[in-house]
Amino acid sequence: MINSIYFLFFIVLLTTNVLAQEVKKIVLLNADVIDYDEKLLGKEIKRLTGNVSFKHDSAILKCDSAYFNSLRNNVVMYGHVHINMGDTIHLWGDSIRYFGNTKIAEVRNNVKLINKKAVLTTDSMNYDRNQNIGYYFNWGKIKDGENSLVSEWGYYFSLLKDFVAVKSVILTNPDYHMYSDSLRYNIETEISSFYGPSKIVGDSNLIYCENGWYNTKTEISQFNKNAYLQSKAQTIKGDSLYYDRNKKFGKAYKNVEIIDTSANITLLGNYGYYFENPEQAMLTDSAVFINYGGADTLFLHADTLRSNVIKDSIGEYKFIKAYYKVKIYKSDIQGSCDSLTYSLRDSIIKFFKKPILWSDIHQLTAEQIEIHTKNNEADYVVLNNAAFVISQEDTVRFNQVKGKNMIGYIKNKELDHIEVDGNGESIYFPKDNNELIGANKAESSKMTIYLDSSKVSKILFLTKPTAVLHPIDELPANDLLLQNFHWYINIRPMNKSDIFDKKTEE
């Protein structure tokens, strides 16, 4: 912290325009009584009382009494001491020791510095008129309109209108409190700049950073270095955060995280924005959605992620949208599609546009797919229109079920049985003593296929079927595949890192 404070001090110091100036004498303008006491004070010092005033350069100095050493060009003033520096800066105190050669004023007790609308009060201050810098070192308070700033020590750069507050800094505003190790506040722009661990606490959120700025006039701010914004519902992190308090709107850049601990979800990306009311968020650039569930944690990647809170007569719930090049990975199920929605109320994940699911050894496709979850595990899968389920029997043969619509029920993370509704077709390869005995081709408008250890154990036809068991070598290869057969194993995510694989079915 100390290094950053000194760096800040020298940066500000270098920006002030300081020129070497000719030493001028302090001129006595008035005193009701002038005393000489060589024995007590020495012949160089005069004791002045009553309406005492001096002029030094462009400054006017006033007090009730003073000890003036014209030879050494300094004066010690007491009682209602006031220095007027060009009608813009006024400095008061119970006593001031003023050195004309260096233009330094040492002000003690009930110190007050006013620059237009800003007021600084402290117990002790040294003010350098050459540099136009005031330094307080025994706690100080700065009042500027609605803003009040307190710190253990600090500087005032009058030409720049900058206060630099250091150690135990607290800036108080009707809407929030700022806490910082070191802070720079400009009384004209009303911008606070942070140079160390800093925290802003408001009614609805908390902001932390280690570098950044806050415009107290417009309520717009930017935070860097370990920055995060924490509201009642969520925490947003990023290398850089932008926040508009009036609009309750934030943007984040690089290594962005939006964390919702109540819903056990996290959104990641390299750019995102967030509205507090109504609560919504968007992330893109390597966007990832994580729904935590221990070993059953769901990982989802898409070009863009959106999170909204939906409110209705029942209550409110989180609703996730993902679109373009979507892939998901979970221990019991994986998927790919172009767009997806996830309702955290009913735990339904809907896949749109070329959706593909994988469950154990099975591949499931349809025009639209829904995963219904229970206790953070897939419970059943709904395949709407052009439903197709495939599993690989061996290197050249595939078990297949096809129909208009299907529902696949999952038990112990495996497909347990599949209900086919409309235009049902199937091909599977029964075995006897682990030897293939043929290819069973069947058609029925409705059927239920039961599986055991992911293998077909029996088929129940609910309407009149046509079924033929063909000898294993009787059917040509093209008759072993149902129409519109596609095998997408090359794009299946095998671990959470594979959700970033850009390969698609095309």
Foldseek 3Di string as FASTA:
>chain_A
DVVLLVVVVVVVLVPFDFDDDDQDAKAWDDAPDWDADCVVPNRQKIKGADFTWIDADQKIWTAGIWIDRRVQRKIKGAHFIWICRPVQKIKTARIWTAGRRQRKIWHAQQIWIGGPQKIKTDGIWIAGPSSRKIKDAQKMWIDAPQKIKIARIWMARNVQQKTKHAHQIWIDGPFKIKGARIWIAHNVQRKIWGQAWMWIDGPFKIKTARTWMARPVQRKIKGAHQIWIGGPFWIKTERMKIAGVVQQKMKHAQFIWIDGVVQQKIKTAGIKMFHVVQTKMKHAHQIWMWRDDPLFIKIKTARMKMWGWDQDPVGIWIKIKGAAFMWMDGPLKIKTAGIWMATSVQGKIKGAHFIWMDGPQKIWTARMKIFGDDSSHTAKMKHAAFIKMWGDPDPQAIKIKTAHIKMFGDDPSATFKMKHAAFIWTWDFDDDPNHTAFIKIKTARIKMFGDDPNHTDDIGHPGDMDIDGHGHPPDDSVVRDDPPDDDDPVQTDPDSVSSPPSDDSD
